[in-house]
Protein backbone atom coordinates (compact mmCIF):
# COMPACT_ATOMS: atom_id res chain seq x y z
CA MET A 1 26.09 -3.43 14.10
CA GLY A 2 23.28 -1.59 12.44
CA GLU A 3 25.53 -0.43 9.73
CA GLN A 4 26.77 -2.84 7.16
CA MET A 5 30.38 -4.01 7.73
CA ALA A 6 32.88 -5.21 5.20
CA GLY A 7 32.43 -8.80 4.48
CA PHE A 8 29.11 -9.09 6.27
CA SER A 9 25.41 -8.66 5.40
CA PRO A 10 23.08 -6.72 7.68
CA VAL A 11 20.52 -9.16 9.15
CA ASP A 12 17.69 -7.71 7.01
CA ALA A 13 19.47 -8.05 3.70
CA GLY A 14 18.83 -10.92 1.38
CA ALA A 15 16.66 -12.89 3.84
CA ALA A 16 14.57 -15.64 2.43
CA PRO A 17 10.90 -16.52 3.08
CA LEU A 18 11.09 -19.47 5.57
CA ILE A 19 7.82 -19.90 7.47
CA GLU A 20 4.17 -19.08 6.49
CA LEU A 21 1.26 -19.06 8.84
CA TRP A 22 -2.18 -19.63 7.12
CA ARG A 23 -5.65 -19.05 8.64
CA GLY A 24 -8.40 -20.62 6.71
CA GLU A 25 -7.39 -20.20 3.00
CA PHE A 26 -5.35 -17.06 3.41
CA LEU A 27 -1.80 -16.33 4.26
CA GLU A 28 -1.83 -14.45 7.45
CA SER A 29 1.93 -14.17 8.27
CA LEU A 30 5.21 -14.56 6.49
CA HIS A 31 8.48 -14.75 8.26
CA HIS A 32 11.87 -14.21 6.47
CA GLY A 33 15.27 -15.41 7.78
CA HIS A 34 18.56 -17.04 7.16
CA ALA A 35 19.42 -20.75 7.68
CA VAL A 36 22.50 -22.77 7.05
CA VAL A 37 23.45 -26.43 7.35
CA VAL A 38 27.07 -27.28 7.49
CA ARG A 39 28.99 -30.75 7.60
CA ASP A 40 31.73 -31.31 10.18
CA THR A 41 34.16 -31.03 7.24
CA GLY A 42 33.09 -27.39 6.82
CA GLU A 43 30.93 -28.03 3.63
CA VAL A 44 27.77 -26.00 3.42
CA ILE A 45 25.25 -28.36 2.27
CA ASP A 46 22.07 -26.21 2.55
CA ALA A 47 21.63 -22.43 2.83
CA TRP A 48 18.68 -20.02 2.62
CA GLY A 49 19.11 -16.30 2.84
CA GLN A 50 22.59 -14.95 3.48
CA PRO A 51 25.07 -17.18 5.36
CA ASN A 52 27.12 -14.03 5.92
CA ALA A 53 24.37 -12.28 7.79
CA LEU A 54 25.76 -10.77 10.86
CA ILE A 55 23.86 -11.66 14.10
CA TYR A 56 24.05 -11.91 17.84
CA PRO A 57 23.74 -15.64 18.61
CA ARG A 58 22.34 -14.70 22.20
CA SER A 59 21.69 -17.89 24.23
CA SER A 60 22.07 -20.29 21.33
CA CYS A 61 25.92 -20.22 21.73
CA LYS A 62 25.88 -21.29 25.55
CA MET A 63 27.59 -24.63 24.72
CA VAL A 64 30.40 -22.51 23.15
CA GLN A 65 30.58 -20.17 26.14
CA ALA A 66 30.92 -23.28 28.38
CA LEU A 67 34.03 -24.63 26.53
CA PRO A 68 36.52 -22.84 28.64
CA LEU A 69 35.07 -24.33 31.73
CA LEU A 70 35.97 -27.80 30.58
CA GLU A 71 39.07 -27.11 28.44
CA SER A 72 40.73 -25.35 31.47
CA GLY A 73 40.13 -28.37 33.68
CA ALA A 74 38.03 -26.39 36.05
CA GLY A 75 34.99 -28.46 35.31
CA ASP A 76 36.54 -31.83 35.27
CA ALA A 77 34.49 -33.22 38.10
CA LEU A 78 31.21 -31.81 36.93
CA GLY A 79 28.39 -34.18 36.09
CA ALA A 80 26.09 -34.07 33.16
CA GLU A 81 23.36 -32.20 35.08
CA HIS A 82 25.81 -29.35 35.78
CA LEU A 83 26.87 -29.26 32.11
CA ALA A 84 23.27 -29.22 30.83
CA LEU A 85 22.52 -26.22 33.24
CA ALA A 86 25.65 -24.46 31.91
CA CYS A 87 24.10 -24.57 28.49
CA ALA A 88 20.61 -23.84 29.61
CA SER A 89 18.07 -21.08 29.15
CA HIS A 90 15.91 -22.75 31.91
CA GLN A 91 12.46 -22.05 33.26
CA GLY A 92 13.59 -21.16 36.78
CA GLY A 93 11.83 -24.16 38.27
CA ALA A 94 12.73 -25.71 41.59
CA ALA A 95 14.78 -28.45 39.63
CA HIS A 96 16.77 -25.63 37.93
CA ALA A 97 17.21 -23.08 40.85
CA GLY A 98 17.86 -25.72 43.33
CA ARG A 99 20.61 -27.40 41.33
CA VAL A 100 22.33 -24.07 40.65
CA GLU A 101 22.10 -23.11 44.35
CA ARG A 102 23.86 -26.43 45.32
CA TRP A 103 26.47 -25.88 42.58
CA LEU A 104 27.31 -22.58 44.10
CA SER A 105 27.32 -23.82 47.61
CA ASP A 106 29.78 -26.44 46.51
CA LEU A 107 32.04 -23.53 45.24
CA GLY A 108 31.74 -21.70 48.64
CA LEU A 109 29.46 -19.15 46.90
CA GLY A 110 25.94 -18.06 46.92
CA GLU A 111 23.16 -16.34 45.02
CA ALA A 112 24.61 -12.89 45.74
CA ASP A 113 27.81 -13.82 43.72
CA LEU A 114 25.88 -14.20 40.57
CA ARG A 115 25.64 -11.21 38.14
CA CYS A 116 22.78 -12.26 35.91
CA GLY A 117 20.03 -10.38 37.86
CA PRO A 118 16.74 -11.67 39.27
CA GLN A 119 14.07 -12.98 36.90
CA GLU A 120 10.52 -14.10 37.61
CA PRO A 121 10.45 -17.88 36.90
CA GLN A 122 8.61 -19.16 33.87
CA ASP A 123 7.97 -22.34 35.76
CA ARG A 124 4.35 -21.95 36.89
CA ASP A 125 4.74 -24.09 40.06
CA GLU A 126 7.80 -22.23 41.35
CA ARG A 127 6.18 -18.84 40.50
CA ASP A 128 3.15 -19.80 42.58
CA ARG A 129 5.21 -21.09 45.35
CA LEU A 130 7.03 -17.71 45.60
CA ILE A 131 3.60 -15.93 45.49
CA ARG A 132 2.24 -18.08 48.30
CA ALA A 133 5.33 -17.71 50.39
CA TYR A 134 5.48 -13.88 49.85
CA GLU A 135 8.93 -14.35 48.37
CA SER A 136 10.53 -12.48 45.46
CA PRO A 137 12.35 -14.02 42.61
CA CYS A 138 16.05 -14.10 42.85
CA GLN A 139 18.99 -14.63 40.61
CA LEU A 140 18.78 -18.35 40.90
CA HIS A 141 15.56 -18.18 38.95
CA ASN A 142 17.31 -16.34 36.03
CA ASN A 143 17.26 -18.42 33.02
CA CYS A 144 21.03 -18.08 32.58
CA SER A 145 21.90 -18.89 36.20
CA GLY A 146 23.52 -22.10 35.21
CA LYS A 147 25.83 -20.51 32.63
CA HIS A 148 26.78 -17.91 35.24
CA ALA A 149 27.54 -20.62 37.83
CA GLY A 150 29.95 -22.00 35.21
CA PHE A 151 31.50 -18.60 34.75
CA LEU A 152 32.08 -18.34 38.53
CA MET A 153 33.64 -21.79 38.70
CA LEU A 154 35.95 -20.84 35.79
CA GLY A 155 36.72 -17.58 37.59
CA GLN A 156 37.77 -19.32 40.70
CA HIS A 157 39.91 -21.68 38.72
CA LEU A 158 41.70 -18.69 37.06
CA ARG A 159 41.99 -16.89 40.40
CA ALA A 160 40.23 -13.89 38.73
CA GLY A 161 38.06 -11.17 40.25
CA ALA A 162 34.39 -11.32 41.09
CA GLU A 163 33.09 -9.23 38.21
CA TYR A 164 33.24 -12.08 35.77
CA ILE A 165 30.85 -10.46 33.23
CA ASP A 166 33.20 -7.48 32.46
CA PRO A 167 34.37 -8.00 28.86
CA ASP A 168 37.89 -7.62 29.89
CA HIS A 169 37.69 -10.18 32.68
CA PRO A 170 39.81 -13.35 32.14
CA VAL A 171 36.65 -15.47 31.97
CA GLN A 172 35.16 -13.40 29.15
CA LEU A 173 38.52 -13.21 27.37
CA ALA A 174 38.61 -17.02 27.46
CA VAL A 175 35.09 -17.20 26.08
CA ARG A 176 35.86 -14.90 23.25
CA ARG A 177 38.92 -16.86 22.33
CA ALA A 178 36.98 -20.06 22.19
CA PHE A 179 33.98 -18.37 20.34
CA GLU A 180 36.27 -17.03 17.66
CA GLU A 181 38.18 -20.24 17.24
CA VAL A 182 35.15 -22.47 16.75
CA THR A 183 33.31 -19.91 14.57
CA GLY A 184 36.47 -19.49 12.50
CA MET A 185 36.22 -15.68 12.45
CA THR A 186 37.11 -12.59 14.48
CA SER A 187 34.02 -11.25 15.95
CA PRO A 188 33.43 -7.68 14.93
CA GLY A 189 32.08 -6.67 18.31
CA PHE A 190 29.63 -7.55 21.06
CA GLY A 191 26.43 -6.61 22.73
CA ILE A 192 25.38 -6.99 26.41
CA ASP A 193 22.98 -9.83 26.71
CA GLY A 194 19.92 -9.86 28.99
CA CYS A 195 21.92 -11.59 31.70
CA SER A 196 24.61 -8.85 31.48
CA ALA A 197 27.32 -10.97 29.89
CA PRO A 198 28.89 -9.94 26.56
CA ASN A 199 27.43 -11.74 23.50
CA PHE A 200 29.78 -11.78 20.61
CA ALA A 201 28.57 -11.18 17.04
CA THR A 202 29.11 -13.72 14.33
CA THR A 203 27.48 -14.90 11.13
CA VAL A 204 24.77 -17.49 10.65
CA GLY A 205 27.08 -19.53 8.60
CA ALA A 206 29.93 -19.34 11.19
CA LEU A 207 27.59 -20.27 13.94
CA ALA A 208 26.34 -23.23 11.86
CA GLY A 209 30.01 -24.30 11.39
CA ALA A 210 30.69 -24.16 15.12
CA MET A 211 27.67 -26.42 15.68
CA ALA A 212 29.04 -28.80 12.98
CA GLN A 213 32.31 -29.05 15.01
CA PHE A 214 30.30 -30.04 18.05
CA ALA A 215 28.45 -32.60 15.87
CA GLY A 216 31.68 -34.12 14.44
CA ALA A 217 33.77 -34.10 17.63
CA SER A 218 35.29 -37.40 18.55
CA ALA A 219 37.44 -38.27 21.63
CA GLY A 220 40.83 -36.65 21.35
CA ASP A 221 42.05 -33.23 22.63
CA ALA A 222 40.56 -31.06 25.34
CA ARG A 223 38.27 -29.25 22.97
CA ALA A 224 36.84 -32.25 21.28
CA ASN A 225 36.25 -33.98 24.72
CA ALA A 226 34.58 -30.84 25.99
CA MET A 227 32.24 -30.65 22.87
CA ILE A 228 31.26 -34.23 23.41
CA ARG A 229 30.58 -33.81 27.05
CA LEU A 230 28.40 -30.76 26.47
CA ARG A 231 26.31 -32.10 23.57
CA GLU A 232 25.81 -35.42 25.39
CA ALA A 233 24.71 -33.57 28.62
CA MET A 234 22.21 -31.47 26.70
CA MET A 235 20.64 -34.66 25.10
CA GLU A 236 20.65 -36.57 28.43
CA HIS A 237 18.86 -33.68 30.29
CA PRO A 238 16.66 -31.86 27.97
CA ASP A 239 14.50 -30.88 30.83
CA LEU A 240 17.27 -28.88 32.47
CA VAL A 241 18.21 -27.12 29.12
CA ALA A 242 14.87 -25.39 29.03
CA GLY A 243 11.69 -26.98 30.67
CA GLU A 244 8.40 -28.55 30.14
CA GLY A 245 6.57 -27.34 26.95
CA ARG A 246 9.67 -25.59 25.67
CA ALA A 247 10.71 -26.19 22.08
CA CYS A 248 14.31 -27.20 23.07
CA THR A 249 13.12 -29.72 25.58
CA GLU A 250 10.24 -31.20 23.62
CA LEU A 251 12.16 -31.46 20.23
CA MET A 252 15.23 -32.90 21.91
CA ARG A 253 13.08 -35.56 23.61
CA ALA A 254 11.43 -36.28 20.29
CA CYS A 255 14.73 -36.62 18.50
CA GLU A 256 15.78 -39.34 20.89
CA GLY A 257 19.43 -38.68 20.99
CA ARG A 258 19.79 -37.50 17.46
CA ALA A 259 20.08 -33.79 18.14
CA ALA A 260 21.17 -31.21 20.77
CA LEU A 261 19.16 -28.08 20.45
CA LYS A 262 19.41 -24.49 21.72
CA THR A 263 17.39 -21.50 21.02
CA GLY A 264 18.45 -17.87 21.65
CA ALA A 265 16.55 -14.63 22.03
CA GLU A 266 15.31 -12.73 19.04
CA ALA A 267 14.62 -16.07 17.13
CA VAL A 268 17.93 -17.63 16.73
CA PHE A 269 18.06 -21.49 16.80
CA VAL A 270 20.87 -24.12 16.36
CA ALA A 271 21.12 -27.75 16.24
CA ILE A 272 23.94 -30.30 16.75
CA LEU A 273 23.30 -33.58 14.82
CA PRO A 274 26.08 -36.02 15.90
CA GLN A 275 24.89 -39.08 13.85
CA ALA A 276 24.65 -36.98 10.73
CA ARG A 277 27.74 -34.96 11.65
CA LEU A 278 25.81 -31.68 10.89
CA GLY A 279 25.47 -28.32 12.41
CA ILE A 280 22.49 -26.05 11.82
CA ALA A 281 21.89 -22.34 12.54
CA LEU A 282 19.12 -20.07 11.66
CA LYS A 283 17.82 -16.63 12.36
CA ILE A 284 14.38 -15.13 11.89
CA VAL A 285 14.66 -11.46 10.98
CA ASP A 286 11.56 -10.26 12.71
CA GLY A 287 12.47 -12.07 15.86
CA GLY A 288 9.41 -14.34 15.72
CA VAL A 289 10.14 -17.20 18.06
CA ARG A 290 7.22 -19.42 16.69
CA ALA A 291 8.82 -19.13 13.23
CA ALA A 292 12.20 -20.14 14.52
CA GLU A 293 10.69 -23.16 16.30
CA ALA A 294 8.96 -24.09 13.02
CA ALA A 295 11.99 -23.65 10.93
CA ILE A 296 14.23 -25.80 13.12
CA THR A 297 11.47 -28.39 13.23
CA ALA A 298 11.52 -28.55 9.44
CA LEU A 299 15.27 -28.85 9.22
CA LEU A 300 15.40 -31.66 11.84
CA ILE A 301 12.84 -33.47 9.81
CA ARG A 302 14.78 -32.90 6.47
CA HIS A 303 18.00 -34.27 7.96
CA GLY A 304 16.43 -37.28 9.57
CA ALA A 305 16.73 -36.34 13.23
CA LEU A 306 12.86 -35.97 13.72
CA ASP A 307 9.90 -38.02 12.70
CA PRO A 308 7.49 -35.76 10.97
CA ALA A 309 4.59 -37.79 12.57
CA HIS A 310 5.88 -37.20 16.09
CA PRO A 311 3.43 -35.02 18.16
CA ALA A 312 6.25 -32.57 18.94
CA ALA A 313 6.96 -32.03 15.26
CA GLU A 314 3.28 -31.38 14.60
CA ARG A 315 3.08 -28.95 17.53
CA PHE A 316 5.67 -26.64 16.03
CA LEU A 317 5.00 -27.21 12.33
CA GLY A 318 1.54 -28.15 11.15
CA PRO A 319 -2.12 -27.54 12.15
CA ILE A 320 -2.91 -24.56 14.30
CA ARG A 321 -5.77 -25.22 16.87
CA ASN A 322 -7.74 -22.80 18.90
CA ARG A 323 -8.71 -23.12 22.55
CA ARG A 324 -11.44 -25.51 21.58
CA GLU A 325 -9.04 -27.67 19.63
CA ILE A 326 -10.58 -26.67 16.28
CA ILE A 327 -8.04 -26.47 13.39
CA THR A 328 -7.99 -22.88 12.28
CA GLY A 329 -4.95 -22.72 10.17
CA GLU A 330 -1.38 -24.17 9.52
CA THR A 331 2.11 -23.37 10.07
CA ARG A 332 4.11 -24.44 6.93
CA THR A 333 7.43 -23.94 5.17
CA ALA A 334 7.51 -21.33 2.56
CA GLN A 335 8.03 -22.03 -1.09
CA GLY A 336 11.75 -22.67 -1.64
CA PHE A 337 12.58 -23.55 1.86
CA ILE A 338 12.96 -27.28 2.44
């Protein structure tokens, strides 16, 4: 994907300045990227950079990857907590790992059936518990373990084999079909994500369009019903989607039901705004997570989902404080963005 492909722009071409970091009176850092806002009608109402920039959505598309779990009927009995975890990049805390473990147990499966790999939990309490108990992190602590539990459940329903992360496995074929249908384009290829599952390439604009479909979904067919259940689960359980202190969790809480949010590695961020019937996707070219968090905050404010005076908004876009709480600079939008 490093070479330009017909109809697509490489990620570093035509990026717009989005986020500035100032220290004192001087500009210290500048982050370029692409951002697109789409109505559920498919109309692009805002765009910066190149909507056809080709990216890996990484974990930002987990709600898309979870669609076959519900559309197939495999997840009919799942509650909102399960669905939030299926969309999660969680901290690996006890609340996350314990719920995934119980989910697997209900399927007659265990930690060894996962294929996401072990990961040290980002949750400090769980990390310290493991250290005190002389225990090692396991796959339940992997930030993608909820997504993988969903894959396993779908695999059981399809009576498919154990290696559900294989790109040619029925689970991943179903995921690819759903992904291409909601993005409205054939993916030109895939990369292997940190959790070992394939991650299908798409454009920033197509990803925003997919989020707009989630935003505009109303009760109807299996796909629309699945989209509603997933977005509602994320907004109902923001703590399970990420964790305390994380942007997804803090901003969803601050939006008070007006947005479902999901970040992805290398500074991708998406938003589903059901009340406004809008989908948002953005990518910061240099992979700067703080810039992606600032940019999504600015877009949530612009489209009425987030109060600019809310402490969460000011945390991700506004004054920069040092360890003594002295204001040393500011994170702000670049000229021409918002």
